[in-house]
Each structure stands twice: as structure tokens, then as C-alpha cells.
Amino acid sequence: MLSNETAVIAETGDSWFNCQKLRLPEKCGYEFQMQYGSIGWSVGATLGYAQAALDKRVIACIGDGSFQVTAQDVSTMIRLGQRTIIFLINNGGYTIEVEIHDGPYNVIKNWNYTGLVDAIHNGEGKCWTAKVKTEDEVIEAIKTAQGPKKDCLCFIEVIVHKDDTSKELLEWGSRVAAANSRPPNPQ
């Protein structure tokens, strides 16, 4: 799936930790933003990267909570005819925040993400959506995105359990939580 003609955008959170494990071919683009830990940046970054690098197909890995911050950028992607593949990881919440400090504010309203993108598409432009729950369904969706729908914006919602988290995120979350709970350094 990855080649010198693709670029990966990895959202803050578990998408970032998982994408760090990818073996990227030479000249495959890769962008992430963990410095400030701000969620939601990747949808706009995906739009901008795809517009600036027309020779690459952008593959974005975005969490559901992050997507809710800037989902409307998908409208511009479709209007501009971008061929991006978005993997929306739906685990029902702000997992990165849960691992730092759990609370009811980290539970988000589950959207019908594929329905939302279909509504944004509204029959104008090229867009294809799929909701997948199993590895076989993911493989089929990838084949479709790379085959008959290769000239479309492809939005693949991947349903995962809320506790399906990388060990790296768990470790990072506990370190940030510990740092957040200590008193500030004296000035």
C-alpha cells in the first residue's frame, strides 16, 4: 500500500504510535505532530498535503475524537477531487486523553462517520465510504481503495474496541499523567 507515490499523515494519539512502526519506502512522505499534542490537526494537514503534493496519494490515520474537531475539511477534499485514503479509527473516545486522565469528558458522541461523509459528498465529486470491523473487511476495503476506487476520496471507518491501545500509548500516557500531577518547578 505504501510506495514512493504515497504519503502518510498520522494523527496525534494511537495513530501516531502505530504509524511509527511502519516501514516507509524511499520517498514515501510522512507527517505527524506530537510536539504540542493537539488533536484534530491531521484532517486539515491531509487536505493541505494532498493539494500541495498532487503526485502523491495521501493516506491518513485519524482517531474519531480528532476527526470530530475538523471533519468539515472533507468537504473541500471532495470538492478539489483529492484521492486521499482516510482510515478513521473509531474506538469511541479520546483514548489518548483517557490514558492521561480519565473522566466522563473523554467519552464522545459516536457519529455515523460514513453517513456523515456520504452526506458531505451528496453525490457531487468522487467519494467512497466503507465501515469495517474485521481484518478481512479491512483488506477488502484497501483492495477497493487501490483498485476500482483509486480515483476517489476513500473514507474507511475501522471499528475497534475502546481498550485496543498500543503499549506505547499506555506508557506515554502514564508518563504524561505523572508529569501533570507534580507541582510546577519553582521560578
C-alpha atoms as a PDB file:
ATOM      1  CA  MET A   1       0.000   0.000   0.000  1.00  0.00           C
ATOM      2  CA  LEU A   2       2.871   2.378   0.773  1.00  0.00           C
ATOM      3  CA  SER A   3       5.165   3.484  -2.045  1.00  0.00           C
ATOM      4  CA  ASN A   4       7.147   6.461  -3.276  1.00  0.00           C
ATOM      5  CA  GLU A   5       3.813   7.728  -4.613  1.00  0.00           C
ATOM      6  CA  THR A   6       2.133   7.889  -1.189  1.00  0.00           C
ATOM      7  CA  ALA A   7       2.389   9.958   1.960  1.00  0.00           C
ATOM      8  CA  VAL A   8       1.219   9.091   5.473  1.00  0.00           C
ATOM      9  CA  ILE A   9      -0.397  11.575   7.848  1.00  0.00           C
ATOM     10  CA  ALA A  10      -0.512  10.236  11.423  1.00  0.00           C
ATOM     11  CA  GLU A  11      -2.854  11.955  13.879  1.00  0.00           C
ATOM     12  CA  THR A  12      -1.813  12.653  17.455  1.00  0.00           C
ATOM     13  CA  GLY A  13      -2.541   9.652  19.675  1.00  0.00           C
ATOM     14  CA  ASP A  14      -2.536   5.961  18.958  1.00  0.00           C
ATOM     15  CA  SER A  15      -2.439   6.563  15.199  1.00  0.00           C
ATOM     16  CA  TRP A  16       0.928   8.236  15.719  1.00  0.00           C
ATOM     17  CA  PHE A  17       2.305   5.436  17.883  1.00  0.00           C
ATOM     18  CA  ASN A  18       1.127   2.780  15.420  1.00  0.00           C
ATOM     19  CA  CYS A  19       2.370   4.635  12.325  1.00  0.00           C
ATOM     20  CA  GLN A  20       5.826   4.943  13.907  1.00  0.00           C
ATOM     21  CA  LYS A  21       6.129   1.186  13.285  1.00  0.00           C
ATOM     22  CA  LEU A  22       5.547   1.444   9.530  1.00  0.00           C
ATOM     23  CA  ARG A  23       8.358   0.609   7.139  1.00  0.00           C
ATOM     24  CA  LEU A  24       8.283   3.503   4.744  1.00  0.00           C
ATOM     25  CA  PRO A  25       9.618   3.066   1.225  1.00  0.00           C
ATOM     26  CA  GLU A  26      12.095   5.641  -0.025  1.00  0.00           C
ATOM     27  CA  LYS A  27      10.382   8.947  -0.913  1.00  0.00           C
ATOM     28  CA  CYS A  28       7.167   7.992   0.883  1.00  0.00           C
ATOM     29  CA  GLY A  29       6.071  11.114   2.741  1.00  0.00           C
ATOM     30  CA  TYR A  30       5.381  11.029   6.473  1.00  0.00           C
ATOM     31  CA  GLU A  31       3.950  13.788   8.649  1.00  0.00           C
ATOM     32  CA  PHE A  32       2.962  13.853  12.297  1.00  0.00           C
ATOM     33  CA  GLN A  33       2.625  16.443  15.038  1.00  0.00           C
ATOM     34  CA  MET A  34       3.283  15.387  18.620  1.00  0.00           C
ATOM     35  CA  GLN A  35       5.141  18.454  19.891  1.00  0.00           C
ATOM     36  CA  TYR A  36       2.021  20.112  21.266  1.00  0.00           C
ATOM     37  CA  GLY A  37      -0.160  17.008  21.355  1.00  0.00           C
ATOM     38  CA  SER A  38      -3.033  18.864  19.714  1.00  0.00           C
ATOM     39  CA  ILE A  39      -5.702  16.585  18.332  1.00  0.00           C
ATOM     40  CA  GLY A  40      -7.599  17.350  15.140  1.00  0.00           C
ATOM     41  CA  TRP A  41      -4.731  18.878  13.178  1.00  0.00           C
ATOM     42  CA  SER A  42      -4.453  15.957  10.758  1.00  0.00           C
ATOM     43  CA  VAL A  43      -7.652  16.491   8.774  1.00  0.00           C
ATOM     44  CA  GLY A  44      -6.539  19.953   7.645  1.00  0.00           C
ATOM     45  CA  ALA A  45      -2.967  18.715   7.224  1.00  0.00           C
ATOM     46  CA  THR A  46      -4.238  15.913   4.996  1.00  0.00           C
ATOM     47  CA  LEU A  47      -6.153  18.421   2.876  1.00  0.00           C
ATOM     48  CA  GLY A  48      -3.107  20.679   2.550  1.00  0.00           C
ATOM     49  CA  TYR A  49      -0.598  17.906   1.860  1.00  0.00           C
ATOM     50  CA  ALA A  50      -2.781  16.349  -0.831  1.00  0.00           C
ATOM     51  CA  GLN A  51      -3.216  19.725  -2.509  1.00  0.00           C
ATOM     52  CA  ALA A  52       0.489  20.563  -2.354  1.00  0.00           C
ATOM     53  CA  ALA A  53       1.757  17.139  -3.474  1.00  0.00           C
ATOM     54  CA  LEU A  54      -0.529  16.171  -6.331  1.00  0.00           C
ATOM     55  CA  ASP A  55       1.889  13.390  -7.323  1.00  0.00           C
ATOM     56  CA  LYS A  56       1.237  11.518  -4.046  1.00  0.00           C
ATOM     57  CA  ARG A  57      -1.814   9.754  -2.683  1.00  0.00           C
ATOM     58  CA  VAL A  58      -2.196  10.715   0.947  1.00  0.00           C
ATOM     59  CA  ILE A  59      -3.087   8.016   3.468  1.00  0.00           C
ATOM     60  CA  ALA A  60      -4.333   9.448   6.756  1.00  0.00           C
ATOM     61  CA  CYS A  61      -4.811   7.623  10.055  1.00  0.00           C
ATOM     62  CA  ILE A  62      -7.153   9.657  12.241  1.00  0.00           C
ATOM     63  CA  GLY A  63      -8.934   8.893  15.509  1.00  0.00           C
ATOM     64  CA  ASP A  64     -12.656   9.503  15.875  1.00  0.00           C
ATOM     65  CA  GLY A  65     -12.252  12.175  18.559  1.00  0.00           C
ATOM     66  CA  SER A  66      -9.694  14.047  16.495  1.00  0.00           C
ATOM     67  CA  PHE A  67     -11.844  13.809  13.373  1.00  0.00           C
ATOM     68  CA  GLN A  68     -14.775  15.430  15.161  1.00  0.00           C
ATOM     69  CA  VAL A  69     -12.715  18.605  15.615  1.00  0.00           C
ATOM     70  CA  THR A  70     -12.225  19.338  11.894  1.00  0.00           C
ATOM     71  CA  ALA A  71     -14.431  16.922   9.915  1.00  0.00           C
ATOM     72  CA  GLN A  72     -15.723  19.643   7.603  1.00  0.00           C
ATOM     73  CA  ASP A  73     -12.401  19.713   5.709  1.00  0.00           C
ATOM     74  CA  VAL A  74     -13.537  16.508   3.978  1.00  0.00           C
ATOM     75  CA  SER A  75     -15.945  18.707   2.006  1.00  0.00           C
ATOM     76  CA  THR A  76     -13.048  20.640   0.492  1.00  0.00           C
ATOM     77  CA  MET A  77     -11.140  17.414  -0.213  1.00  0.00           C
ATOM     78  CA  ILE A  78     -14.082  16.116  -2.243  1.00  0.00           C
ATOM     79  CA  ARG A  79     -14.632  19.460  -3.993  1.00  0.00           C
ATOM     80  CA  LEU A  80     -10.959  19.535  -5.039  1.00  0.00           C
ATOM     81  CA  GLY A  81     -11.064  15.938  -6.316  1.00  0.00           C
ATOM     82  CA  GLN A  82      -8.458  14.642  -3.882  1.00  0.00           C
ATOM     83  CA  ARG A  83      -7.740  10.897  -3.889  1.00  0.00           C
ATOM     84  CA  THR A  84      -6.893  10.609  -0.207  1.00  0.00           C
ATOM     85  CA  ILE A  85      -7.498   7.432   1.766  1.00  0.00           C
ATOM     86  CA  ILE A  86      -8.679   8.208   5.297  1.00  0.00           C
ATOM     87  CA  PHE A  87      -8.649   5.462   7.895  1.00  0.00           C
ATOM     88  CA  LEU A  88     -10.942   6.701  10.651  1.00  0.00           C
ATOM     89  CA  ILE A  89     -10.131   4.695  13.792  1.00  0.00           C
ATOM     90  CA  ASN A  90     -13.391   4.543  15.749  1.00  0.00           C
ATOM     91  CA  ASN A  91     -12.736   3.464  19.329  1.00  0.00           C
ATOM     92  CA  GLY A  92     -15.489   5.559  20.868  1.00  0.00           C
ATOM     93  CA  GLY A  93     -13.496   8.302  22.507  1.00  0.00           C
ATOM     94  CA  TYR A  94     -10.401  10.332  23.197  1.00  0.00           C
ATOM     95  CA  THR A  95      -8.175   7.358  24.013  1.00  0.00           C
ATOM     96  CA  ILE A  96      -5.020   9.443  24.330  1.00  0.00           C
ATOM     97  CA  GLU A  97      -6.780  11.643  26.901  1.00  0.00           C
ATOM     98  CA  VAL A  98      -8.181   8.635  28.778  1.00  0.00           C
ATOM     99  CA  GLU A  99      -4.649   7.321  29.235  1.00  0.00           C
ATOM    100  CA  ILE A 100      -3.507  10.661  30.672  1.00  0.00           C
ATOM    101  CA  HIS A 101      -6.512  11.478  32.866  1.00  0.00           C
ATOM    102  CA  ASP A 102      -9.725   9.507  32.562  1.00  0.00           C
ATOM    103  CA  GLY A 103     -13.069  11.166  33.076  1.00  0.00           C
ATOM    104  CA  PRO A 104     -16.564  11.479  31.598  1.00  0.00           C
ATOM    105  CA  TYR A 105     -15.379  14.332  29.362  1.00  0.00           C
ATOM    106  CA  ASN A 106     -13.353  11.805  27.351  1.00  0.00           C
ATOM    107  CA  VAL A 107     -16.474   9.964  26.180  1.00  0.00           C
ATOM    108  CA  ILE A 108     -17.652  11.381  22.877  1.00  0.00           C
ATOM    109  CA  LYS A 109     -20.900  11.024  20.967  1.00  0.00           C
ATOM    110  CA  ASN A 110     -20.455   8.282  18.403  1.00  0.00           C
ATOM    111  CA  TRP A 111     -21.209   9.672  14.964  1.00  0.00           C
ATOM    112  CA  ASN A 112     -22.289   7.789  11.895  1.00  0.00           C
ATOM    113  CA  TYR A 113     -18.968   8.722  10.277  1.00  0.00           C
ATOM    114  CA  THR A 114     -19.544   7.039   6.936  1.00  0.00           C
ATOM    115  CA  GLY A 115     -23.039   8.538   6.841  1.00  0.00           C
ATOM    116  CA  LEU A 116     -21.584  11.985   7.573  1.00  0.00           C
ATOM    117  CA  VAL A 117     -19.045  11.711   4.755  1.00  0.00           C
ATOM    118  CA  ASP A 118     -21.761  10.386   2.417  1.00  0.00           C
ATOM    119  CA  ALA A 119     -23.912  13.415   3.328  1.00  0.00           C
ATOM    120  CA  ILE A 120     -20.984  15.779   2.705  1.00  0.00           C
ATOM    121  CA  HIS A 121     -20.348  14.025  -0.628  1.00  0.00           C
ATOM    122  CA  ASN A 122     -24.019  14.397  -1.583  1.00  0.00           C
ATOM    123  CA  GLY A 123     -23.411  12.819  -4.983  1.00  0.00           C
ATOM    124  CA  GLU A 124     -21.026  15.580  -6.065  1.00  0.00           C
ATOM    125  CA  GLY A 125     -17.455  14.579  -6.850  1.00  0.00           C
ATOM    126  CA  LYS A 126     -15.843  11.220  -6.250  1.00  0.00           C
ATOM    127  CA  CYS A 127     -16.103   9.642  -2.817  1.00  0.00           C
ATOM    128  CA  TRP A 128     -16.427   6.111  -1.467  1.00  0.00           C
ATOM    129  CA  THR A 129     -17.029   5.056   2.129  1.00  0.00           C
ATOM    130  CA  ALA A 130     -16.827   1.764   3.995  1.00  0.00           C
ATOM    131  CA  LYS A 131     -17.296   0.676   7.597  1.00  0.00           C
ATOM    132  CA  VAL A 132     -15.157  -2.314   8.595  1.00  0.00           C
ATOM    133  CA  LYS A 133     -14.894  -4.427  11.737  1.00  0.00           C
ATOM    134  CA  THR A 134     -12.645  -7.361  10.829  1.00  0.00           C
ATOM    135  CA  GLU A 135      -9.197  -7.803   9.339  1.00  0.00           C
ATOM    136  CA  ASP A 136     -10.699  -9.389   6.216  1.00  0.00           C
ATOM    137  CA  GLU A 137     -13.006  -6.389   5.770  1.00  0.00           C
ATOM    138  CA  VAL A 138     -10.040  -4.015   6.125  1.00  0.00           C
ATOM    139  CA  ILE A 139      -8.118  -5.955   3.465  1.00  0.00           C
ATOM    140  CA  GLU A 140     -11.115  -5.833   1.099  1.00  0.00           C
ATOM    141  CA  ALA A 141     -11.567  -2.097   1.690  1.00  0.00           C
ATOM    142  CA  ILE A 142      -7.889  -1.474   0.912  1.00  0.00           C
ATOM    143  CA  LYS A 143      -8.183  -3.505  -2.304  1.00  0.00           C
ATOM    144  CA  THR A 144     -11.211  -1.444  -3.315  1.00  0.00           C
ATOM    145  CA  ALA A 145      -9.468   1.856  -2.458  1.00  0.00           C
ATOM    146  CA  GLN A 146      -6.440   0.851  -4.532  1.00  0.00           C
ATOM    147  CA  GLY A 147      -8.479  -0.678  -7.350  1.00  0.00           C
ATOM    148  CA  PRO A 148     -11.882   0.442  -8.588  1.00  0.00           C
ATOM    149  CA  LYS A 149     -11.987   3.497  -6.280  1.00  0.00           C
ATOM    150  CA  LYS A 150      -8.378   4.644  -6.772  1.00  0.00           C
ATOM    151  CA  ASP A 151      -9.546   7.969  -8.226  1.00  0.00           C
ATOM    152  CA  CYS A 152     -11.857   8.730  -5.286  1.00  0.00           C
ATOM    153  CA  LEU A 153     -11.553  10.072  -1.811  1.00  0.00           C
ATOM    154  CA  CYS A 154     -11.841   6.835   0.173  1.00  0.00           C
ATOM    155  CA  PHE A 155     -13.091   7.012   3.753  1.00  0.00           C
ATOM    156  CA  ILE A 156     -12.693   3.755   5.675  1.00  0.00           C
ATOM    157  CA  GLU A 157     -14.129   3.686   9.195  1.00  0.00           C
ATOM    158  CA  VAL A 158     -12.379   0.989  11.230  1.00  0.00           C
ATOM    159  CA  ILE A 159     -14.328  -0.077  14.327  1.00  0.00           C
ATOM    160  CA  VAL A 160     -12.027  -1.109  17.196  1.00  0.00           C
ATOM    161  CA  HIS A 161     -12.628  -1.832  20.878  1.00  0.00           C
ATOM    162  CA  LYS A 162     -12.116   1.164  23.173  1.00  0.00           C
ATOM    163  CA  ASP A 163      -9.365  -0.689  25.028  1.00  0.00           C
ATOM    164  CA  ASP A 164      -7.457  -1.706  21.883  1.00  0.00           C
ATOM    165  CA  THR A 165      -4.479   0.527  22.608  1.00  0.00           C
ATOM    166  CA  SER A 166      -0.775   0.282  21.831  1.00  0.00           C
ATOM    167  CA  LYS A 167       1.589  -0.313  24.730  1.00  0.00           C
ATOM    168  CA  GLU A 168       3.481   2.804  23.653  1.00  0.00           C
ATOM    169  CA  LEU A 169       0.395   4.964  24.202  1.00  0.00           C
ATOM    170  CA  LEU A 170      -0.202   3.379  27.603  1.00  0.00           C
ATOM    171  CA  GLU A 171       3.406   4.089  28.637  1.00  0.00           C
ATOM    172  CA  TRP A 172       3.363   7.631  27.260  1.00  0.00           C
ATOM    173  CA  GLY A 173       0.012   8.370  28.912  1.00  0.00           C
ATOM    174  CA  SER A 174       1.273   7.249  32.314  1.00  0.00           C
ATOM    175  CA  ARG A 175       4.402   9.426  31.970  1.00  0.00           C
ATOM    176  CA  VAL A 176       2.383  12.492  30.981  1.00  0.00           C
ATOM    177  CA  ALA A 177      -0.107  11.839  33.802  1.00  0.00           C
ATOM    178  CA  ALA A 178       2.770  11.651  36.297  1.00  0.00           C
ATOM    179  CA  ALA A 179       4.282  14.870  34.954  1.00  0.00           C
ATOM    180  CA  ASN A 180       0.906  16.629  35.090  1.00  0.00           C
ATOM    181  CA  SER A 181       0.342  15.645  38.717  1.00  0.00           C
ATOM    182  CA  ARG A 182       3.560  17.109  40.122  1.00  0.00           C
ATOM    183  CA  PRO A 183       3.792  20.689  41.364  1.00  0.00           C
ATOM    184  CA  PRO A 184       5.280  23.238  38.955  1.00  0.00           C
ATOM    185  CA  ASN A 185       9.008  23.899  39.067  1.00  0.00           C
ATOM    186  CA  PRO A 186       9.879  26.946  41.169  1.00  0.00           C
ATOM    187  CA  GLN A 187      10.711  30.008  39.085  1.00  0.00           C
END
